[in-house]
């Protein structure tokens, strides 16, 4: 299954009122990590260093907030598919509401 198809499956599982989502992506061939890094740059893919079960973390935002638009993420994943980079993507934490930070009580 391609990255774009897996992302579509992840998006289909979300509740209609989701606000943001963490996705994790792994690449099968470590020699293709630089190709993945370039393709995921427009979706703000963060490379993960150290001992982790994934190579990149992506934050996807529904309509507003911090994160890339789902269409931008899907486009970046489709670029990975077109370049022949294989691996998998899965969903991490999904949030259904975002509240603005409370006003700072102390200071000016």
PDB file of N, CA and C in Angstrom:
ATOM      1  N   UNK A   1       0.849  -1.176   0.000  1.00  0.00           N
ATOM      2  CA  UNK A   1       0.000   0.000   0.000  1.00  0.00           C
ATOM      3  C   UNK A   1       0.900   1.247   0.000  1.00  0.00           C
ATOM      4  N   UNK A   2       0.528   2.232  -0.764  1.00  0.00           N
ATOM      5  CA  UNK A   2       1.335   3.438  -0.874  1.00  0.00           C
ATOM      6  C   UNK A   2       1.121   4.352   0.335  1.00  0.00           C
ATOM      7  N   UNK A   3       2.038   5.307   0.496  1.00  0.00           N
ATOM      8  CA  UNK A   3       1.914   6.267   1.589  1.00  0.00           C
ATOM      9  C   UNK A   3       0.592   7.044   1.501  1.00  0.00           C
ATOM     10  N   UNK A   4       0.242   7.490   0.298  1.00  0.00           N
ATOM     11  CA  UNK A   4      -0.979   8.286   0.136  1.00  0.00           C
ATOM     12  C   UNK A   4      -2.214   7.460   0.491  1.00  0.00           C
ATOM     13  N   UNK A   5      -2.247   6.202   0.108  1.00  0.00           N
ATOM     14  CA  UNK A   5      -3.383   5.342   0.450  1.00  0.00           C
ATOM     15  C   UNK A   5      -3.461   5.096   1.947  1.00  0.00           C
ATOM     16  N   UNK A   6      -2.313   4.879   2.576  1.00  0.00           N
ATOM     17  CA  UNK A   6      -2.315   4.685   4.029  1.00  0.00           C
ATOM     18  C   UNK A   6      -2.763   5.952   4.743  1.00  0.00           C
ATOM     19  N   UNK A   7      -2.345   7.114   4.250  1.00  0.00           N
ATOM     20  CA  UNK A   7      -2.771   8.383   4.850  1.00  0.00           C
ATOM     21  C   UNK A   7      -4.273   8.564   4.694  1.00  0.00           C
ATOM     22  N   UNK A   8      -4.816   8.222   3.542  1.00  0.00           N
ATOM     23  CA  UNK A   8      -6.266   8.306   3.344  1.00  0.00           C
ATOM     24  C   UNK A   8      -7.008   7.390   4.315  1.00  0.00           C
ATOM     25  N   UNK A   9      -6.452   6.202   4.565  1.00  0.00           N
ATOM     26  CA  UNK A   9      -7.070   5.280   5.528  1.00  0.00           C
ATOM     27  C   UNK A   9      -7.022   5.853   6.939  1.00  0.00           C
ATOM     28  N   UNK A  10      -5.905   6.500   7.296  1.00  0.00           N
ATOM     29  CA  UNK A  10      -5.782   7.142   8.614  1.00  0.00           C
ATOM     30  C   UNK A  10      -6.807   8.265   8.739  1.00  0.00           C
ATOM     31  N   UNK A  11      -6.940   9.082   7.701  1.00  0.00           N
ATOM     32  CA  UNK A  11      -7.881  10.198   7.737  1.00  0.00           C
ATOM     33  C   UNK A  11      -9.330   9.718   7.828  1.00  0.00           C
ATOM     34  N   UNK A  12      -9.627   8.574   7.224  1.00  0.00           N
ATOM     35  CA  UNK A  12     -10.985   8.035   7.260  1.00  0.00           C
ATOM     36  C   UNK A  12     -11.373   7.571   8.666  1.00  0.00           C
ATOM     37  N   UNK A  13     -10.390   7.223   9.488  1.00  0.00           N
ATOM     38  CA  UNK A  13     -10.663   6.756  10.853  1.00  0.00           C
ATOM     39  C   UNK A  13     -10.955   7.890  11.830  1.00  0.00           C
ATOM     40  N   UNK A  14     -10.648   9.129  11.454  1.00  0.00           N
ATOM     41  CA  UNK A  14     -10.786  10.247  12.379  1.00  0.00           C
ATOM     42  C   UNK A  14     -12.242  10.652  12.569  1.00  0.00           C
ATOM     43  N   UNK A  15     -12.521  11.168  13.756  1.00  0.00           N
ATOM     44  CA  UNK A  15     -13.852  11.731  14.035  1.00  0.00           C
ATOM     45  C   UNK A  15     -14.025  13.003  13.206  1.00  0.00           C
ATOM     46  N   UNK A  16     -15.257  13.379  12.888  1.00  0.00           N
ATOM     47  CA  UNK A  16     -15.465  14.567  12.050  1.00  0.00           C
ATOM     48  C   UNK A  16     -14.996  15.872  12.683  1.00  0.00           C
ATOM     49  N   UNK A  17     -14.873  15.925  13.999  1.00  0.00           N
ATOM     50  CA  UNK A  17     -14.497  17.179  14.657  1.00  0.00           C
ATOM     51  C   UNK A  17     -13.029  17.212  15.085  1.00  0.00           C
ATOM     52  N   UNK A  18     -12.165  16.481  14.396  1.00  0.00           N
ATOM     53  CA  UNK A  18     -10.762  16.450  14.790  1.00  0.00           C
ATOM     54  C   UNK A  18     -10.107  17.800  14.527  1.00  0.00           C
ATOM     55  N   UNK A  19      -9.145  18.140  15.358  1.00  0.00           N
ATOM     56  CA  UNK A  19      -8.451  19.425  15.232  1.00  0.00           C
ATOM     57  C   UNK A  19      -7.013  19.242  14.754  1.00  0.00           C
ATOM     58  N   UNK A  20      -6.294  18.308  15.345  1.00  0.00           N
ATOM     59  CA  UNK A  20      -4.922  18.059  14.909  1.00  0.00           C
ATOM     60  C   UNK A  20      -4.594  16.586  15.117  1.00  0.00           C
ATOM     61  N   UNK A  21      -3.548  16.172  14.439  1.00  0.00           N
ATOM     62  CA  UNK A  21      -3.196  14.756  14.404  1.00  0.00           C
ATOM     63  C   UNK A  21      -1.691  14.632  14.294  1.00  0.00           C
ATOM     64  N   UNK A  22      -1.136  13.698  15.011  1.00  0.00           N
ATOM     65  CA  UNK A  22       0.276  13.354  14.870  1.00  0.00           C
ATOM     66  C   UNK A  22       0.366  12.086  14.025  1.00  0.00           C
ATOM     67  N   UNK A  23       1.184  12.134  12.982  1.00  0.00           N
ATOM     68  CA  UNK A  23       1.431  10.963  12.138  1.00  0.00           C
ATOM     69  C   UNK A  23       2.912  10.627  12.207  1.00  0.00           C
ATOM     70  N   UNK A  24       3.199   9.350  12.127  1.00  0.00           N
ATOM     71  CA  UNK A  24       4.575   8.884  12.147  1.00  0.00           C
ATOM     72  C   UNK A  24       4.846   8.112  10.872  1.00  0.00           C
ATOM     73  N   UNK A  25       6.026   8.298  10.321  1.00  0.00           N
ATOM     74  CA  UNK A  25       6.378   7.710   9.043  1.00  0.00           C
ATOM     75  C   UNK A  25       7.725   7.035   9.159  1.00  0.00           C
ATOM     76  N   UNK A  26       7.834   5.868   8.573  1.00  0.00           N
ATOM     77  CA  UNK A  26       9.109   5.167   8.533  1.00  0.00           C
ATOM     78  C   UNK A  26       9.430   4.810   7.095  1.00  0.00           C
ATOM     79  N   UNK A  27      10.710   4.798   6.770  1.00  0.00           N
ATOM     80  CA  UNK A  27      11.201   4.484   5.433  1.00  0.00           C
ATOM     81  C   UNK A  27      11.913   3.137   5.500  1.00  0.00           C
ATOM     82  N   UNK A  28      11.601   2.254   4.542  1.00  0.00           N
ATOM     83  CA  UNK A  28      12.198   0.916   4.556  1.00  0.00           C
ATOM     84  C   UNK A  28      13.701   0.935   4.308  1.00  0.00           C
ATOM     85  N   UNK A  29      14.153   1.731   3.359  1.00  0.00           N
ATOM     86  CA  UNK A  29      15.561   1.770   2.978  1.00  0.00           C
ATOM     87  C   UNK A  29      16.224   3.005   3.579  1.00  0.00           C
ATOM     88  N   UNK A  30      17.173   2.844   4.501  1.00  0.00           N
ATOM     89  CA  UNK A  30      17.810   4.006   5.116  1.00  0.00           C
ATOM     90  C   UNK A  30      18.543   4.901   4.115  1.00  0.00           C
ATOM     91  N   UNK A  31      18.923   4.373   2.963  1.00  0.00           N
ATOM     92  CA  UNK A  31      19.601   5.181   1.954  1.00  0.00           C
ATOM     93  C   UNK A  31      18.650   6.168   1.280  1.00  0.00           C
ATOM     94  N   UNK A  32      17.349   5.992   1.476  1.00  0.00           N
ATOM     95  CA  UNK A  32      16.358   6.884   0.879  1.00  0.00           C
ATOM     96  C   UNK A  32      15.862   7.950   1.859  1.00  0.00           C
ATOM     97  N   UNK A  33      16.486   8.045   3.029  1.00  0.00           N
ATOM     98  CA  UNK A  33      16.053   9.032   4.025  1.00  0.00           C
ATOM     99  C   UNK A  33      16.211  10.463   3.531  1.00  0.00           C
ATOM    100  N   UNK A  34      17.248  10.742   2.763  1.00  0.00           N
ATOM    101  CA  UNK A  34      17.425  12.102   2.259  1.00  0.00           C
ATOM    102  C   UNK A  34      16.346  12.450   1.239  1.00  0.00           C
ATOM    103  N   UNK A  35      15.927  11.489   0.410  1.00  0.00           N
ATOM    104  CA  UNK A  35      14.820  11.726  -0.519  1.00  0.00           C
ATOM    105  C   UNK A  35      13.536  12.015   0.246  1.00  0.00           C
ATOM    106  N   UNK A  36      13.308  11.257   1.314  1.00  0.00           N
ATOM    107  CA  UNK A  36      12.108  11.467   2.127  1.00  0.00           C
ATOM    108  C   UNK A  36      12.163  12.815   2.826  1.00  0.00           C
ATOM    109  N   UNK A  37      13.334  13.203   3.289  1.00  0.00           N
ATOM    110  CA  UNK A  37      13.486  14.486   3.981  1.00  0.00           C
ATOM    111  C   UNK A  37      13.137  15.649   3.055  1.00  0.00           C
ATOM    112  N   UNK A  38      13.575  15.575   1.807  1.00  0.00           N
ATOM    113  CA  UNK A  38      13.285  16.634   0.840  1.00  0.00           C
ATOM    114  C   UNK A  38      11.789  16.661   0.504  1.00  0.00           C
ATOM    115  N   UNK A  39      11.199  15.497   0.292  1.00  0.00           N
ATOM    116  CA  UNK A  39       9.781  15.433  -0.072  1.00  0.00           C
ATOM    117  C   UNK A  39       8.879  15.893   1.067  1.00  0.00           C
ATOM    118  N   UNK A  40       9.261  15.611   2.302  1.00  0.00           N
ATOM    119  CA  UNK A  40       8.417  15.944   3.449  1.00  0.00           C
ATOM    120  C   UNK A  40       8.665  17.348   3.988  1.00  0.00           C
ATOM    121  N   UNK A  41       9.605  18.070   3.407  1.00  0.00           N
ATOM    122  CA  UNK A  41       9.924  19.411   3.914  1.00  0.00           C
ATOM    123  C   UNK A  41       8.728  20.345   3.804  1.00  0.00           C
ATOM    124  N   UNK A  42       7.953  20.252   2.740  1.00  0.00           N
ATOM    125  CA  UNK A  42       6.812  21.162   2.579  1.00  0.00           C
ATOM    126  C   UNK A  42       5.691  20.848   3.568  1.00  0.00           C
ATOM    127  N   UNK A  43       5.669  19.630   4.101  1.00  0.00           N
ATOM    128  CA  UNK A  43       4.657  19.254   5.086  1.00  0.00           C
ATOM    129  C   UNK A  43       5.204  19.355   6.513  1.00  0.00           C
ATOM    130  N   UNK A  44       6.364  19.976   6.665  1.00  0.00           N
ATOM    131  CA  UNK A  44       7.020  20.140   7.968  1.00  0.00           C
ATOM    132  C   UNK A  44       7.303  18.803   8.650  1.00  0.00           C
ATOM    133  N   UNK A  45       7.767  17.846   7.874  1.00  0.00           N
ATOM    134  CA  UNK A  45       8.154  16.562   8.442  1.00  0.00           C
ATOM    135  C   UNK A  45       9.400  16.725   9.291  1.00  0.00           C
ATOM    136  N   UNK A  46       9.321  16.304  10.537  1.00  0.00           N
ATOM    137  CA  UNK A  46      10.447  16.441  11.461  1.00  0.00           C
ATOM    138  C   UNK A  46      11.205  15.122  11.545  1.00  0.00           C
ATOM    139  N   UNK A  47      12.477  15.116  11.141  1.00  0.00           N
ATOM    140  CA  UNK A  47      13.254  13.887  11.294  1.00  0.00           C
ATOM    141  C   UNK A  47      13.423  13.551  12.768  1.00  0.00           C
ATOM    142  N   UNK A  48      13.357  12.286  13.083  1.00  0.00           N
ATOM    143  CA  UNK A  48      13.490  11.831  14.461  1.00  0.00           C
ATOM    144  C   UNK A  48      14.869  11.224  14.618  1.00  0.00           C
ATOM    145  N   UNK A  49      15.620  11.697  15.590  1.00  0.00           N
ATOM    146  CA  UNK A  49      16.953  11.187  15.859  1.00  0.00           C
ATOM    147  C   UNK A  49      16.909  10.338  17.118  1.00  0.00           C
ATOM    148  N   UNK A  50      17.727   9.335  17.154  1.00  0.00           N
ATOM    149  CA  UNK A  50      17.777   8.488  18.341  1.00  0.00           C
ATOM    150  C   UNK A  50      17.041   7.181  18.124  1.00  0.00           C
ATOM    151  N   UNK A  51      16.795   6.501  19.229  1.00  0.00           N
ATOM    152  CA  UNK A  51      16.136   5.200  19.175  1.00  0.00           C
ATOM    153  C   UNK A  51      14.629   5.379  19.151  1.00  0.00           C
ATOM    154  N   UNK A  52      14.045   5.301  17.980  1.00  0.00           N
ATOM    155  CA  UNK A  52      12.597   5.420  17.832  1.00  0.00           C
ATOM    156  C   UNK A  52      12.143   4.402  16.795  1.00  0.00           C
ATOM    157  N   UNK A  53      10.851   4.130  16.785  1.00  0.00           N
ATOM    158  CA  UNK A  53      10.322   3.182  15.812  1.00  0.00           C
ATOM    159  C   UNK A  53       9.860   3.866  14.534  1.00  0.00           C
ATOM    160  N   UNK A  54      10.192   5.148  14.376  1.00  0.00           N
ATOM    161  CA  UNK A  54       9.812   5.883  13.173  1.00  0.00           C
ATOM    162  C   UNK A  54      10.930   6.852  12.791  1.00  0.00           C
ATOM    163  N   UNK A  55      10.889   7.293  11.529  1.00  0.00           N
ATOM    164  CA  UNK A  55      11.929   8.179  11.018  1.00  0.00           C
ATOM    165  C   UNK A  55      11.498   9.636  10.982  1.00  0.00           C
ATOM    166  N   UNK A  56      10.188   9.898  10.798  1.00  0.00           N
ATOM    167  CA  UNK A  56       9.667  11.257  10.701  1.00  0.00           C
ATOM    168  C   UNK A  56       8.383  11.381  11.497  1.00  0.00           C
ATOM    169  N   UNK A  57       8.154  12.579  12.020  1.00  0.00           N
ATOM    170  CA  UNK A  57       6.890  12.911  12.677  1.00  0.00           C
ATOM    171  C   UNK A  57       6.263  14.065  11.906  1.00  0.00           C
ATOM    172  N   UNK A  58       4.961  13.974  11.677  1.00  0.00           N
ATOM    173  CA  UNK A  58       4.213  15.004  10.959  1.00  0.00           C
ATOM    174  C   UNK A  58       3.049  15.452  11.823  1.00  0.00           C
ATOM    175  N   UNK A  59       2.800  16.741  11.879  1.00  0.00           N
ATOM    176  CA  UNK A  59       1.623  17.273  12.551  1.00  0.00           C
ATOM    177  C   UNK A  59       0.677  17.792  11.480  1.00  0.00           C
ATOM    178  N   UNK A  60      -0.550  17.286  11.514  1.00  0.00           N
ATOM    179  CA  UNK A  60      -1.567  17.654  10.532  1.00  0.00           C
ATOM    180  C   UNK A  60      -2.649  18.431  11.261  1.00  0.00           C
ATOM    181  N   UNK A  61      -3.053  19.576  10.713  1.00  0.00           N
ATOM    182  CA  UNK A  61      -4.104  20.404  11.314  1.00  0.00           C
ATOM    183  C   UNK A  61      -5.342  20.354  10.429  1.00  0.00           C
ATOM    184  N   UNK A  62      -6.497  20.275  11.058  1.00  0.00           N
ATOM    185  CA  UNK A  62      -7.751  20.189  10.308  1.00  0.00           C
ATOM    186  C   UNK A  62      -8.045  21.481   9.562  1.00  0.00           C
ATOM    187  N   UNK A  63      -8.281  22.543  10.282  1.00  0.00           N
ATOM    188  CA  UNK A  63      -8.600  23.820   9.640  1.00  0.00           C
ATOM    189  C   UNK A  63      -7.702  24.947  10.111  1.00  0.00           C
ATOM    190  N   UNK A  64      -7.308  24.916  11.351  1.00  0.00           N
ATOM    191  CA  UNK A  64      -6.435  25.956  11.881  1.00  0.00           C
ATOM    192  C   UNK A  64      -5.569  25.343  12.960  1.00  0.00           C
ATOM    193  N   UNK A  65      -4.619  26.110  13.401  1.00  0.00           N
ATOM    194  CA  UNK A  65      -3.728  25.617  14.434  1.00  0.00           C
ATOM    195  C   UNK A  65      -2.382  25.263  13.856  1.00  0.00           C
ATOM    196  N   UNK A  66      -1.585  24.619  14.677  1.00  0.00           N
ATOM    197  CA  UNK A  66      -0.239  24.255  14.266  1.00  0.00           C
ATOM    198  C   UNK A  66      -0.268  22.936  13.520  1.00  0.00           C
ATOM    199  N   UNK A  67       0.255  22.950  12.335  1.00  0.00           N
ATOM    200  CA  UNK A  67       0.319  21.729  11.551  1.00  0.00           C
ATOM    201  C   UNK A  67       0.063  22.017  10.087  1.00  0.00           C
ATOM    202  N   UNK A  68       0.394  21.044   9.266  1.00  0.00           N
ATOM    203  CA  UNK A  68       0.215  21.186   7.826  1.00  0.00           C
ATOM    204  C   UNK A  68      -1.208  20.780   7.442  1.00  0.00           C
ATOM    205  N   UNK A  69      -1.709  21.359   6.379  1.00  0.00           N
ATOM    206  CA  UNK A  69      -3.027  21.021   5.854  1.00  0.00           C
ATOM    207  C   UNK A  69      -2.986  19.584   5.323  1.00  0.00           C
ATOM    208  N   UNK A  70      -4.062  18.817   5.482  1.00  0.00           N
ATOM    209  CA  UNK A  70      -4.058  17.427   5.004  1.00  0.00           C
ATOM    210  C   UNK A  70      -3.734  17.296   3.517  1.00  0.00           C
ATOM    211  N   UNK A  71      -4.159  18.244   2.698  1.00  0.00           N
ATOM    212  CA  UNK A  71      -3.849  18.184   1.277  1.00  0.00           C
ATOM    213  C   UNK A  71      -2.367  18.329   0.991  1.00  0.00           C
ATOM    214  N   UNK A  72      -1.690  19.168   1.765  1.00  0.00           N
ATOM    215  CA  UNK A  72      -0.248  19.352   1.599  1.00  0.00           C
ATOM    216  C   UNK A  72       0.488  18.078   2.015  1.00  0.00           C
ATOM    217  N   UNK A  73       0.051  17.471   3.108  1.00  0.00           N
ATOM    218  CA  UNK A  73       0.679  16.236   3.571  1.00  0.00           C
ATOM    219  C   UNK A  73       0.474  15.131   2.536  1.00  0.00           C
ATOM    220  N   UNK A  74      -0.742  15.021   2.016  1.00  0.00           N
ATOM    221  CA  UNK A  74      -1.020  13.990   1.007  1.00  0.00           C
ATOM    222  C   UNK A  74      -0.178  14.210  -0.242  1.00  0.00           C
ATOM    223  N   UNK A  75       0.002  15.458  -0.644  1.00  0.00           N
ATOM    224  CA  UNK A  75       0.828  15.771  -1.808  1.00  0.00           C
ATOM    225  C   UNK A  75       2.283  15.366  -1.576  1.00  0.00           C
ATOM    226  N   UNK A  76       2.801  15.636  -0.393  1.00  0.00           N
ATOM    227  CA  UNK A  76       4.177  15.247  -0.069  1.00  0.00           C
ATOM    228  C   UNK A  76       4.317  13.723  -0.058  1.00  0.00           C
ATOM    229  N   UNK A  77       3.316  13.041   0.468  1.00  0.00           N
ATOM    230  CA  UNK A  77       3.361  11.581   0.485  1.00  0.00           C
ATOM    231  C   UNK A  77       3.261  11.004  -0.920  1.00  0.00           C
ATOM    232  N   UNK A  78       2.472  11.639  -1.760  1.00  0.00           N
ATOM    233  CA  UNK A  78       2.367  11.194  -3.151  1.00  0.00           C
ATOM    234  C   UNK A  78       3.715  11.368  -3.867  1.00  0.00           C
ATOM    235  N   UNK A  79       4.465  12.415  -3.509  1.00  0.00           N
ATOM    236  CA  UNK A  79       5.806  12.600  -4.062  1.00  0.00           C
ATOM    237  C   UNK A  79       6.715  11.447  -3.656  1.00  0.00           C
ATOM    238  N   UNK A  80       6.603  11.003  -2.403  1.00  0.00           N
ATOM    239  CA  UNK A  80       7.381   9.834  -1.963  1.00  0.00           C
ATOM    240  C   UNK A  80       6.998   8.604  -2.777  1.00  0.00           C
ATOM    241  N   UNK A  81       5.707   8.414  -3.000  1.00  0.00           N
ATOM    242  CA  UNK A  81       5.251   7.270  -3.795  1.00  0.00           C
ATOM    243  C   UNK A  81       5.796   7.340  -5.219  1.00  0.00           C
ATOM    244  N   UNK A  82       5.755   8.535  -5.815  1.00  0.00           N
ATOM    245  CA  UNK A  82       6.239   8.705  -7.183  1.00  0.00           C
ATOM    246  C   UNK A  82       7.742   8.455  -7.296  1.00  0.00           C
ATOM    247  N   UNK A  83       8.479   8.740  -6.253  1.00  0.00           N
ATOM    248  CA  UNK A  83       9.936   8.527  -6.264  1.00  0.00           C
ATOM    249  C   UNK A  83      10.312   7.099  -5.897  1.00  0.00           C
ATOM    250  N   UNK A  84       9.348   6.284  -5.531  1.00  0.00           N
ATOM    251  CA  UNK A  84       9.621   4.889  -5.214  1.00  0.00           C
ATOM    252  C   UNK A  84      10.151   4.651  -3.817  1.00  0.00           C
ATOM    253  N   UNK A  85       9.947   5.604  -2.922  1.00  0.00           N
ATOM    254  CA  UNK A  85      10.361   5.434  -1.524  1.00  0.00           C
ATOM    255  C   UNK A  85       9.282   4.628  -0.821  1.00  0.00           C
ATOM    256  N   UNK A  86       9.653   3.505  -0.246  1.00  0.00           N
ATOM    257  CA  UNK A  86       8.675   2.639   0.407  1.00  0.00           C
ATOM    258  C   UNK A  86       8.796   2.724   1.920  1.00  0.00           C
ATOM    259  N   UNK A  87       7.734   2.362   2.587  1.00  0.00           N
ATOM    260  CA  UNK A  87       7.672   2.385   4.043  1.00  0.00           C
ATOM    261  C   UNK A  87       6.231   2.379   4.479  1.00  0.00           C
ATOM    262  N   UNK A  88       5.975   2.944   5.662  1.00  0.00           N
ATOM    263  CA  UNK A  88       4.594   3.003   6.128  1.00  0.00           C
ATOM    264  C   UNK A  88       4.368   4.242   6.977  1.00  0.00           C
ATOM    265  N   UNK A  89       3.105   4.598   7.117  1.00  0.00           N
ATOM    266  CA  UNK A  89       2.703   5.751   7.923  1.00  0.00           C
ATOM    267  C   UNK A  89       1.573   5.296   8.837  1.00  0.00           C
ATOM    268  N   UNK A  90       1.555   5.817  10.063  1.00  0.00           N
ATOM    269  CA  UNK A  90       0.478   5.477  10.990  1.00  0.00           C
ATOM    270  C   UNK A  90       0.142   6.674  11.857  1.00  0.00           C
ATOM    271  N   UNK A  91      -1.003   6.590  12.490  1.00  0.00           N
ATOM    272  CA  UNK A  91      -1.522   7.691  13.297  1.00  0.00           C
ATOM    273  C   UNK A  91      -1.002   7.591  14.722  1.00  0.00           C
ATOM    274  N   UNK A  92      -0.658   8.750  15.264  1.00  0.00           N
ATOM    275  CA  UNK A  92      -0.308   8.846  16.673  1.00  0.00           C
ATOM    276  C   UNK A  92      -1.501   9.412  17.423  1.00  0.00           C
ATOM    277  N   UNK A  93      -1.284  10.465  18.162  1.00  0.00           N
ATOM    278  CA  UNK A  93      -2.354  11.089  18.941  1.00  0.00           C
ATOM    279  C   UNK A  93      -3.194  11.995  18.044  1.00  0.00           C
ATOM    280  N   UNK A  94      -4.495  11.946  18.259  1.00  0.00           N
ATOM    281  CA  UNK A  94      -5.428  12.838  17.564  1.00  0.00           C
ATOM    282  C   UNK A  94      -6.141  13.674  18.619  1.00  0.00           C
ATOM    283  N   UNK A  95      -6.301  14.952  18.332  1.00  0.00           N
ATOM    284  CA  UNK A  95      -6.925  15.874  19.274  1.00  0.00           C
ATOM    285  C   UNK A  95      -8.195  16.426  18.649  1.00  0.00           C
ATOM    286  N   UNK A  96      -9.241  16.555  19.466  1.00  0.00           N
ATOM    287  CA  UNK A  96     -10.515  17.014  18.920  1.00  0.00           C
ATOM    288  C   UNK A  96     -10.845  18.450  19.281  1.00  0.00           C
ATOM    289  N   UNK A  97     -10.049  19.086  20.096  1.00  0.00           N
ATOM    290  CA  UNK A  97     -10.309  20.491  20.393  1.00  0.00           C
ATOM    291  C   UNK A  97      -9.001  21.185  20.746  1.00  0.00           C
ATOM    292  N   UNK A  98      -8.914  22.395  20.318  1.00  0.00           N
ATOM    293  CA  UNK A  98      -7.759  23.216  20.655  1.00  0.00           C
ATOM    294  C   UNK A  98      -8.260  24.458  21.357  1.00  0.00           C
ATOM    295  N   UNK A  99      -7.693  24.740  22.492  1.00  0.00           N
ATOM    296  CA  UNK A  99      -8.056  25.955  23.218  1.00  0.00           C
ATOM    297  C   UNK A  99      -6.875  26.905  23.176  1.00  0.00           C
ATOM    298  N   UNK A 100      -7.137  28.182  23.047  1.00  0.00           N
ATOM    299  CA  UNK A 100      -6.011  29.120  23.114  1.00  0.00           C
ATOM    300  C   UNK A 100      -5.416  29.117  24.509  1.00  0.00           C
ATOM    301  N   UNK A 101      -4.167  29.455  24.572  1.00  0.00           N
ATOM    302  CA  UNK A 101      -3.493  29.514  25.864  1.00  0.00           C
ATOM    303  C   UNK A 101      -4.136  30.592  26.726  1.00  0.00           C
ATOM    304  N   UNK A 102      -4.269  30.358  28.029  1.00  0.00           N
ATOM    305  CA  UNK A 102      -4.865  31.383  28.890  1.00  0.00           C
ATOM    306  C   UNK A 102      -3.961  32.614  28.969  1.00  0.00           C
ATOM    307  N   UNK A 103      -4.568  33.715  29.274  1.00  0.00           N
ATOM    308  CA  UNK A 103      -3.805  34.968  29.404  1.00  0.00           C
ATOM    309  C   UNK A 103      -2.832  34.842  30.560  1.00  0.00           C
ATOM    310  N   UNK A 104      -1.675  35.427  30.402  1.00  0.00           N
ATOM    311  CA  UNK A 104      -0.660  35.382  31.439  1.00  0.00           C
ATOM    312  C   UNK A 104      -1.091  36.257  32.608  1.00  0.00           C
ATOM    313  N   UNK A 105      -1.104  35.696  33.798  1.00  0.00           N
ATOM    314  CA  UNK A 105      -1.625  36.433  34.955  1.00  0.00           C
ATOM    315  C   UNK A 105      -0.654  37.460  35.492  1.00  0.00           C
ATOM    316  N   UNK A 106       0.613  37.244  35.292  1.00  0.00           N
ATOM    317  CA  UNK A 106       1.604  38.133  35.896  1.00  0.00           C
ATOM    318  C   UNK A 106       2.368  38.851  34.806  1.00  0.00           C
ATOM    319  N   UNK A 107       2.746  40.060  35.056  1.00  0.00           N
ATOM    320  CA  UNK A 107       3.535  40.807  34.089  1.00  0.00           C
ATOM    321  C   UNK A 107       2.704  41.914  33.451  1.00  0.00           C
ATOM    322  N   UNK A 108       3.261  42.553  32.441  1.00  0.00           N
ATOM    323  CA  UNK A 108       2.568  43.699  31.833  1.00  0.00           C
ATOM    324  C   UNK A 108       1.338  43.316  31.041  1.00  0.00           C
TER     325      UNK A 108
END
